[in-house]
Amino acid sequence: MASNTTILERLDGLMSRFEEVSTLITDPGVIADQARFRKLTKEYKDLDSILKVRQEYVDALNGLEEAKDILANESDPDMKEMAREEASQCEKRIPELEEEIKLLLVPADPQDDRNAILEIRGGTGGDEAALFAGDLFRMYTKYCETKGWHLTVSSASEGAAGGYKEIICSVTGEKVYGTLKYESGVHRVQRVPATETQGRVHTSAASVAVLPEAEQFDVEINEGEIKWDTFRSSGAGGQNVNKVESGVRLRYNWKNPNTGVVEEILIECTETRDQPKNKERALSRLRTFIYDKEHQKYIDDIASKRKTMVSTGDRSAKIRTYNYPQGRITDHRINYTIYNLGAFMDGDIQDCIDHLIVAENAERLKESDM
């Protein structure tokens, strides 16, 4: 463990930078440059959080010194008892604050504060896989409600027996990607399907992909080269949906910088009855798709350094099993098992995510060699 002096020296070095950033974010020239302003505002918020913990750490160190001084020099029994309590509290809090500071000083994933695109697709298992994809969508919808996040469906393809072959939605709120990124991977379900007459347990799967939503200045898109089509939407929404060509489809040829191959990207959006809004949302998905592809090498590099993959790496990896006969949830990345499947499917997934965050933080601390 680093000494108190070493930790304070590292934190003191951040104070001058905090003052510098505080001045910069009030500069009209910086404010006019939205990309720079957003970056500096994020840095200001992060530094403010670290320096608040620094102040609590300094207060605890000073409190311990004062308590020790009283115990050594004071004769009043009541004063000495109060000093013992103060010393005990400070001795307990100081190592906790040191761990908190260490984590705050490790560079976080710069994408954690972004909104996210959530994609759920039925995998192996036919109708049952589509039904499970629908169950997962309901689970995430409930979870987003508890977090105060806003979930909006961009496109959906329903299964023949219910659920979804594929459903894509955007999630907006505070630290959405940094929380939901742990859900990327293959989710496996073991249960008796509604169509099963013999009562046999079947295994099927659905895949979940969580992508950080890209901002306009993250990727370069030549909008003049986008080919647009419009069509009549189908499904719920009243007669207007079927009569007006509100659905949009975009085609865009993009050269993958990692492979040099030109790929045609096809995106459809039928989210609203307003064609301009659907175009705007299709563009947002295009930016996110390209951003994700261009940053995949960065993500792979992080995953290759880790002994266990928690939030990055192969999206085809089986991450979690939902066993209905036993009411059991198992997350295979961290050997996490609980028996509250009903509550979990109702959106009570925070405890599992918390355990994943702890596991990843432990890896980050090892990597930082602090």
Protein backbone atom coordinates (compact mmCIF):
# COMPACT_ATOMS: atom_id res chain seq x y z
CA MET A 1 0.00 0.00 0.00
CA ALA A 2 1.25 3.43 -0.90
CA SER A 3 2.22 5.73 1.95
CA ASN A 4 0.00 8.65 2.96
CA THR A 5 2.61 11.09 1.61
CA THR A 6 2.78 9.37 -1.79
CA ILE A 7 -1.01 9.40 -2.20
CA LEU A 8 -1.24 13.07 -1.22
CA GLU A 9 1.59 14.00 -3.61
CA ARG A 10 -0.29 12.39 -6.49
CA LEU A 11 -3.50 14.18 -5.53
CA ASP A 12 -1.79 17.54 -5.01
CA GLY A 13 -0.56 17.35 -8.59
CA LEU A 14 -4.19 17.29 -9.74
CA MET A 15 -5.18 20.47 -7.88
CA SER A 16 -3.42 22.83 -10.30
CA ARG A 17 -4.98 20.99 -13.25
CA PHE A 18 -8.43 21.34 -11.64
CA GLU A 19 -7.93 25.11 -11.32
CA GLU A 20 -6.76 25.29 -14.95
CA VAL A 21 -9.79 23.34 -16.24
CA SER A 22 -12.13 25.46 -14.06
CA THR A 23 -10.86 28.54 -15.91
CA LEU A 24 -10.93 26.94 -19.38
CA ILE A 25 -14.59 25.88 -19.24
CA THR A 26 -15.61 29.52 -18.76
CA ASP A 27 -13.61 30.67 -21.79
CA PRO A 28 -15.96 31.68 -24.69
CA GLY A 29 -13.48 30.24 -27.22
CA VAL A 30 -13.56 26.85 -25.50
CA ILE A 31 -17.35 26.93 -25.13
CA ALA A 32 -17.67 27.54 -28.89
CA ASP A 33 -15.69 24.33 -29.57
CA GLN A 34 -18.32 21.83 -28.43
CA ALA A 35 -16.09 18.75 -28.69
CA ARG A 36 -13.38 20.34 -26.51
CA PHE A 37 -15.91 21.84 -24.10
CA ARG A 38 -17.58 18.46 -23.50
CA LYS A 39 -14.19 16.81 -22.91
CA LEU A 40 -13.10 19.48 -20.43
CA THR A 41 -16.46 19.43 -18.63
CA LYS A 42 -16.07 15.68 -18.16
CA GLU A 43 -12.51 16.18 -16.85
CA TYR A 44 -13.73 18.90 -14.46
CA LYS A 45 -16.40 16.57 -13.05
CA ASP A 46 -13.90 13.69 -12.62
CA LEU A 47 -11.29 15.91 -10.93
CA ASP A 48 -13.94 17.41 -8.64
CA SER A 49 -14.91 13.89 -7.48
CA ILE A 50 -11.27 12.96 -6.78
CA LEU A 51 -10.51 16.17 -4.89
CA LYS A 52 -13.60 15.80 -2.70
CA VAL A 53 -12.33 12.38 -1.61
CA ARG A 54 -8.87 13.93 -1.14
CA GLN A 55 -10.35 16.45 1.32
CA GLU A 56 -12.08 13.68 3.27
CA TYR A 57 -8.76 11.76 3.33
CA VAL A 58 -6.83 14.80 4.63
CA ASP A 59 -9.52 15.37 7.29
CA ALA A 60 -9.24 11.73 8.41
CA LEU A 61 -5.43 11.91 8.64
CA ASN A 62 -5.60 15.15 10.63
CA GLY A 63 -8.34 13.72 12.85
CA LEU A 64 -6.18 10.71 13.66
CA GLU A 65 -3.17 12.90 14.53
CA GLU A 66 -5.28 15.13 16.80
CA ALA A 67 -6.79 12.10 18.55
CA LYS A 68 -3.33 10.60 19.16
CA ASP A 69 -2.14 13.92 20.57
CA ILE A 70 -5.07 14.06 23.00
CA LEU A 71 -4.47 10.45 24.11
CA ALA A 72 -0.79 11.22 24.76
CA ASN A 73 -1.22 14.55 26.56
CA GLU A 74 -4.76 14.82 27.97
CA SER A 75 -5.63 13.65 31.47
CA ASP A 76 -9.44 14.12 31.31
CA PRO A 77 -11.05 10.62 31.03
CA ASP A 78 -13.99 11.86 28.92
CA MET A 79 -11.71 13.64 26.47
CA LYS A 80 -9.54 10.54 26.17
CA GLU A 81 -12.60 8.34 25.53
CA MET A 82 -13.80 10.71 22.77
CA ALA A 83 -10.28 10.68 21.28
CA ARG A 84 -10.21 6.85 21.29
CA GLU A 85 -13.51 6.76 19.38
CA GLU A 86 -12.24 9.37 16.90
CA ALA A 87 -8.98 7.45 16.38
CA SER A 88 -10.86 4.19 15.86
CA GLN A 89 -13.16 5.75 13.23
CA CYS A 90 -10.27 7.41 11.40
CA GLU A 91 -8.14 4.23 11.41
CA LYS A 92 -11.04 2.35 9.84
CA ARG A 93 -11.87 5.06 7.26
CA ILE A 94 -8.32 5.89 6.07
CA PRO A 95 -7.64 2.54 4.27
CA GLU A 96 -11.15 2.65 2.75
CA LEU A 97 -10.45 6.11 1.35
CA GLU A 98 -7.06 4.96 0.05
CA GLU A 99 -8.74 2.18 -1.97
CA GLU A 100 -11.36 4.62 -3.23
CA ILE A 101 -8.64 7.08 -4.31
CA LYS A 102 -6.65 4.35 -6.08
CA LEU A 103 -9.69 3.41 -8.17
CA LEU A 104 -10.44 7.04 -8.98
CA LEU A 105 -6.84 7.52 -10.17
CA VAL A 106 -6.99 4.51 -12.54
CA PRO A 107 -8.14 5.76 -15.96
CA ALA A 108 -11.74 4.68 -16.54
CA ASP A 109 -13.11 3.56 -19.89
CA PRO A 110 -13.71 6.93 -21.63
CA GLN A 111 -16.91 5.55 -23.09
CA ASP A 112 -18.57 4.75 -19.75
CA ASP A 113 -20.51 8.02 -19.55
CA ARG A 114 -22.13 7.55 -22.97
CA ASN A 115 -25.68 6.55 -23.78
CA ALA A 116 -26.01 3.10 -25.33
CA ILE A 117 -27.56 1.16 -28.18
CA LEU A 118 -29.01 -2.13 -26.89
CA GLU A 119 -29.47 -4.96 -29.41
CA ILE A 120 -31.16 -8.26 -28.48
CA ARG A 121 -31.43 -11.14 -30.96
CA GLY A 122 -32.96 -14.58 -30.63
CA GLY A 123 -30.30 -17.23 -31.25
CA THR A 124 -30.50 -21.01 -31.38
CA GLY A 125 -33.84 -22.46 -30.33
CA GLY A 126 -36.37 -21.11 -32.87
CA ASP A 127 -39.60 -19.74 -31.37
CA GLU A 128 -38.36 -20.32 -27.82
CA ALA A 129 -35.25 -18.19 -28.51
CA ALA A 130 -37.46 -15.34 -29.74
CA LEU A 131 -39.64 -15.65 -26.61
CA PHE A 132 -36.51 -15.51 -24.43
CA ALA A 133 -35.27 -12.45 -26.32
CA GLY A 134 -38.64 -10.87 -25.44
CA ASP A 135 -38.13 -11.80 -21.78
CA LEU A 136 -34.68 -10.20 -21.80
CA PHE A 137 -36.09 -7.03 -23.38
CA ARG A 138 -38.72 -6.86 -20.63
CA MET A 139 -35.99 -7.42 -18.00
CA TYR A 140 -33.90 -4.53 -19.33
CA THR A 141 -36.97 -2.31 -19.68
CA LYS A 142 -37.80 -2.87 -16.01
CA TYR A 143 -34.17 -2.30 -15.00
CA CYS A 144 -33.98 0.96 -16.96
CA GLU A 145 -37.14 2.15 -15.16
CA THR A 146 -35.47 1.58 -11.77
CA LYS A 147 -32.43 3.60 -12.93
CA GLY A 148 -34.52 6.47 -14.27
CA TRP A 149 -33.18 5.87 -17.79
CA HIS A 150 -35.19 6.37 -20.97
CA LEU A 151 -35.45 3.39 -23.34
CA THR A 152 -36.70 3.92 -26.92
CA VAL A 153 -37.22 1.12 -29.45
CA SER A 154 -35.63 1.84 -32.85
CA SER A 155 -36.68 -1.29 -34.70
CA ALA A 156 -38.15 -4.68 -33.90
CA SER A 157 -38.86 -7.95 -35.69
CA GLU A 158 -41.39 -10.07 -33.80
CA GLY A 159 -41.18 -13.84 -33.47
CA ALA A 160 -43.91 -16.09 -34.89
CA ALA A 161 -44.96 -17.25 -31.42
CA GLY A 162 -44.22 -13.94 -29.67
CA GLY A 163 -41.10 -12.26 -28.39
CA TYR A 164 -38.57 -10.90 -30.85
CA LYS A 165 -36.26 -12.27 -33.51
CA GLU A 166 -34.46 -8.95 -33.10
CA ILE A 167 -35.08 -5.72 -31.19
CA ILE A 168 -32.86 -2.65 -31.18
CA CYS A 169 -33.29 0.29 -28.83
CA SER A 170 -31.46 3.34 -27.51
CA VAL A 171 -31.01 3.93 -23.77
CA THR A 172 -30.28 7.41 -22.46
CA GLY A 173 -29.36 8.45 -18.93
CA GLU A 174 -26.39 8.69 -16.57
CA LYS A 175 -23.48 6.27 -17.17
CA VAL A 176 -25.68 3.97 -19.26
CA TYR A 177 -22.93 2.30 -21.29
CA GLY A 178 -20.64 1.98 -18.26
CA THR A 179 -23.36 -0.04 -16.52
CA LEU A 180 -24.99 -2.02 -19.35
CA LYS A 181 -21.71 -2.99 -21.09
CA TYR A 182 -21.48 -6.01 -18.77
CA GLU A 183 -24.58 -7.47 -20.46
CA SER A 184 -22.92 -7.99 -23.87
CA GLY A 185 -22.68 -11.67 -24.79
CA VAL A 186 -24.78 -14.80 -25.20
CA HIS A 187 -27.51 -15.41 -22.62
CA ARG A 188 -28.64 -19.04 -22.34
CA VAL A 189 -32.01 -20.21 -21.00
CA GLN A 190 -32.98 -23.67 -19.74
CA ARG A 191 -36.73 -24.22 -19.35
CA VAL A 192 -39.76 -26.14 -20.61
CA PRO A 193 -41.07 -24.24 -23.66
CA ALA A 194 -44.78 -23.48 -23.89
CA THR A 195 -44.89 -25.60 -27.08
CA GLU A 196 -43.33 -28.66 -25.38
CA THR A 197 -45.94 -31.39 -24.71
CA GLN A 198 -43.61 -33.87 -22.94
CA GLY A 199 -42.44 -31.44 -20.26
CA ARG A 200 -38.81 -31.67 -21.35
CA VAL A 201 -36.36 -28.90 -20.52
CA HIS A 202 -34.89 -27.25 -23.63
CA THR A 203 -31.85 -24.99 -23.94
CA SER A 204 -31.97 -21.96 -26.20
CA ALA A 205 -30.13 -18.67 -26.38
CA ALA A 206 -30.30 -14.99 -27.23
CA SER A 207 -27.44 -12.59 -27.86
CA VAL A 208 -27.15 -9.13 -26.34
CA ALA A 209 -24.91 -6.39 -27.71
CA VAL A 210 -24.46 -3.08 -25.88
CA LEU A 211 -22.71 -0.40 -27.95
CA PRO A 212 -21.61 3.05 -26.81
CA GLU A 213 -23.69 5.63 -28.67
CA ALA A 214 -21.53 7.77 -30.92
CA GLU A 215 -21.67 11.55 -30.97
CA GLN A 216 -21.68 13.50 -34.22
CA PHE A 217 -18.02 14.48 -33.91
CA ASP A 218 -16.83 10.93 -33.13
CA VAL A 219 -16.96 9.66 -36.72
CA GLU A 220 -16.84 11.19 -40.18
CA ILE A 221 -19.78 10.37 -42.44
CA ASN A 222 -20.28 11.79 -45.93
CA GLU A 223 -24.05 12.26 -45.75
CA GLY A 224 -24.14 13.01 -49.51
CA GLU A 225 -23.21 9.36 -50.15
CA ILE A 226 -26.05 7.93 -48.08
CA LYS A 227 -28.79 6.28 -50.17
CA TRP A 228 -32.22 6.74 -48.58
CA ASP A 229 -35.43 4.74 -49.19
CA THR A 230 -38.79 5.22 -47.54
CA PHE A 231 -41.51 2.64 -46.98
CA ARG A 232 -44.75 2.10 -45.13
CA SER A 233 -44.26 0.77 -41.64
CA SER A 234 -46.15 -2.27 -40.45
CA GLY A 235 -47.30 -3.27 -37.00
CA ALA A 236 -48.81 -1.36 -34.10
CA GLY A 237 -49.44 2.36 -34.28
CA GLY A 238 -52.82 2.80 -35.94
CA GLN A 239 -53.83 3.33 -39.55
CA ASN A 240 -51.43 6.22 -40.08
CA VAL A 241 -48.43 3.89 -39.78
CA ASN A 242 -49.59 1.79 -42.72
CA LYS A 243 -50.72 4.67 -44.96
CA VAL A 244 -47.75 7.05 -44.66
CA GLU A 245 -44.20 6.22 -45.80
CA SER A 246 -42.67 7.05 -42.42
CA GLY A 247 -40.20 4.14 -42.31
CA VAL A 248 -36.70 4.90 -43.58
CA ARG A 249 -33.90 2.70 -44.88
CA LEU A 250 -30.33 3.91 -45.40
CA ARG A 251 -27.48 2.30 -47.32
CA TYR A 252 -23.92 3.51 -46.84
CA ASN A 253 -20.63 2.20 -48.21
CA TRP A 254 -17.96 2.39 -45.53
CA LYS A 255 -14.30 1.41 -45.70
CA ASN A 256 -13.26 -0.47 -42.59
CA PRO A 257 -9.92 1.11 -41.51
CA ASN A 258 -8.89 -2.10 -39.72
CA THR A 259 -9.32 -4.37 -42.78
CA GLY A 260 -9.42 -1.99 -45.76
CA VAL A 261 -12.59 -3.72 -46.97
CA VAL A 262 -15.55 -1.64 -48.18
CA GLU A 263 -18.75 -2.77 -46.45
CA GLU A 264 -22.35 -1.81 -47.24
CA ILE A 265 -24.19 -0.84 -44.08
CA LEU A 266 -27.99 -1.23 -44.14
CA ILE A 267 -30.11 0.33 -41.38
CA GLU A 268 -33.89 0.57 -41.08
CA CYS A 269 -35.83 2.72 -38.62
CA THR A 270 -39.61 2.63 -38.09
CA GLU A 271 -39.58 4.02 -34.57
CA THR A 272 -41.90 6.99 -35.05
CA ARG A 273 -44.58 8.19 -37.49
CA ASP A 274 -42.38 11.16 -38.30
CA GLN A 275 -40.04 10.46 -41.25
CA PRO A 276 -37.46 13.19 -40.35
CA LYS A 277 -37.19 11.81 -36.81
CA ASN A 278 -36.70 8.29 -38.18
CA LYS A 279 -33.94 9.62 -40.46
CA GLU A 280 -32.24 11.30 -37.51
CA ARG A 281 -32.36 8.08 -35.47
CA ALA A 282 -31.12 5.97 -38.38
CA LEU A 283 -28.15 8.36 -38.70
CA SER A 284 -27.46 7.99 -34.98
CA ARG A 285 -27.39 4.20 -35.35
CA LEU A 286 -25.06 4.51 -38.37
CA ARG A 287 -22.64 6.66 -36.34
CA THR A 288 -22.75 4.16 -33.47
CA PHE A 289 -22.18 1.18 -35.79
CA ILE A 290 -19.11 2.80 -37.39
CA TYR A 291 -17.77 4.04 -34.04
CA ASP A 292 -18.08 0.54 -32.60
CA LYS A 293 -16.29 -1.04 -35.56
CA GLU A 294 -13.47 1.50 -35.54
CA HIS A 295 -12.93 1.04 -31.79
CA GLN A 296 -13.08 -2.77 -31.84
CA LYS A 297 -9.26 -3.01 -32.04
CA TYR A 298 -9.00 -0.84 -28.91
CA ILE A 299 -11.53 -3.09 -27.15
CA ASP A 300 -9.70 -6.25 -28.26
CA ASP A 301 -6.40 -4.86 -26.95
CA ILE A 302 -7.94 -4.31 -23.51
CA ALA A 303 -9.46 -7.81 -23.47
CA SER A 304 -6.15 -9.45 -24.47
CA LYS A 305 -4.45 -7.95 -21.40
CA ARG A 306 -6.95 -9.39 -18.98
CA LYS A 307 -6.97 -12.87 -17.52
CA THR A 308 -10.77 -12.86 -17.37
CA MET A 309 -13.09 -10.97 -19.67
CA VAL A 310 -15.68 -9.05 -17.69
CA SER A 311 -17.01 -6.27 -19.90
CA THR A 312 -15.03 -6.54 -23.11
CA GLY A 313 -13.96 -9.07 -25.68
CA ASP A 314 -15.81 -11.79 -27.56
CA ARG A 315 -19.52 -11.03 -27.87
CA SER A 316 -20.15 -14.64 -28.84
CA ALA A 317 -19.06 -15.87 -25.40
CA LYS A 318 -21.76 -17.42 -23.18
CA ILE A 319 -21.91 -15.13 -20.18
CA ARG A 320 -25.01 -16.16 -18.23
CA THR A 321 -27.45 -19.05 -17.79
CA TYR A 322 -31.08 -18.68 -16.68
CA ASN A 323 -32.26 -22.04 -15.29
CA TYR A 324 -36.03 -21.94 -14.76
CA PRO A 325 -36.60 -25.41 -13.17
CA GLN A 326 -34.15 -24.51 -10.36
CA GLY A 327 -34.92 -20.76 -10.31
CA ARG A 328 -31.19 -20.17 -10.74
CA ILE A 329 -29.12 -17.45 -12.41
CA THR A 330 -25.41 -18.13 -13.04
CA ASP A 331 -22.97 -15.60 -14.45
CA HIS A 332 -20.08 -17.68 -15.77
CA ARG A 333 -17.51 -14.85 -15.88
CA ILE A 334 -17.32 -14.47 -12.10
CA ASN A 335 -18.94 -17.71 -10.86
CA TYR A 336 -21.89 -15.71 -9.53
CA THR A 337 -24.98 -17.80 -8.70
CA ILE A 338 -28.25 -16.73 -7.08
CA TYR A 339 -31.70 -18.30 -6.77
CA ASN A 340 -34.06 -15.37 -7.37
CA LEU A 341 -34.80 -15.84 -11.06
CA GLY A 342 -38.30 -14.33 -10.83
CA ALA A 343 -37.04 -11.05 -9.36
CA PHE A 344 -34.07 -11.03 -11.74
CA MET A 345 -36.33 -11.29 -14.79
CA ASP A 346 -38.37 -8.42 -13.32
CA GLY A 347 -35.31 -6.18 -13.62
CA ASP A 348 -33.57 -6.83 -10.27
CA ILE A 349 -30.13 -7.28 -11.88
CA GLN A 350 -28.14 -4.60 -10.05
CA ASP A 351 -26.48 -6.99 -7.57
CA CYS A 352 -25.06 -9.07 -10.43
CA ILE A 353 -23.79 -5.93 -12.20
CA ASP A 354 -22.25 -4.70 -8.92
CA HIS A 355 -20.29 -7.97 -8.61
CA LEU A 356 -19.09 -7.60 -12.22
CA ILE A 357 -17.97 -4.02 -11.53
CA VAL A 358 -16.00 -5.17 -8.45
CA ALA A 359 -14.32 -7.91 -10.53
CA GLU A 360 -13.37 -5.46 -13.27
CA ASN A 361 -12.10 -2.87 -10.78
CA ALA A 362 -9.84 -5.53 -9.26
CA GLU A 363 -8.40 -6.16 -12.74
CA ARG A 364 -7.93 -2.45 -13.37
CA LEU A 365 -6.00 -2.07 -10.10
CA LYS A 366 -3.71 -5.00 -11.04
CA GLU A 367 -3.06 -3.47 -14.46
CA SER A 368 -2.22 -0.06 -12.97
CA ASP A 369 0.49 -1.55 -10.64
CA MET A 370 -0.51 0.91 -7.93
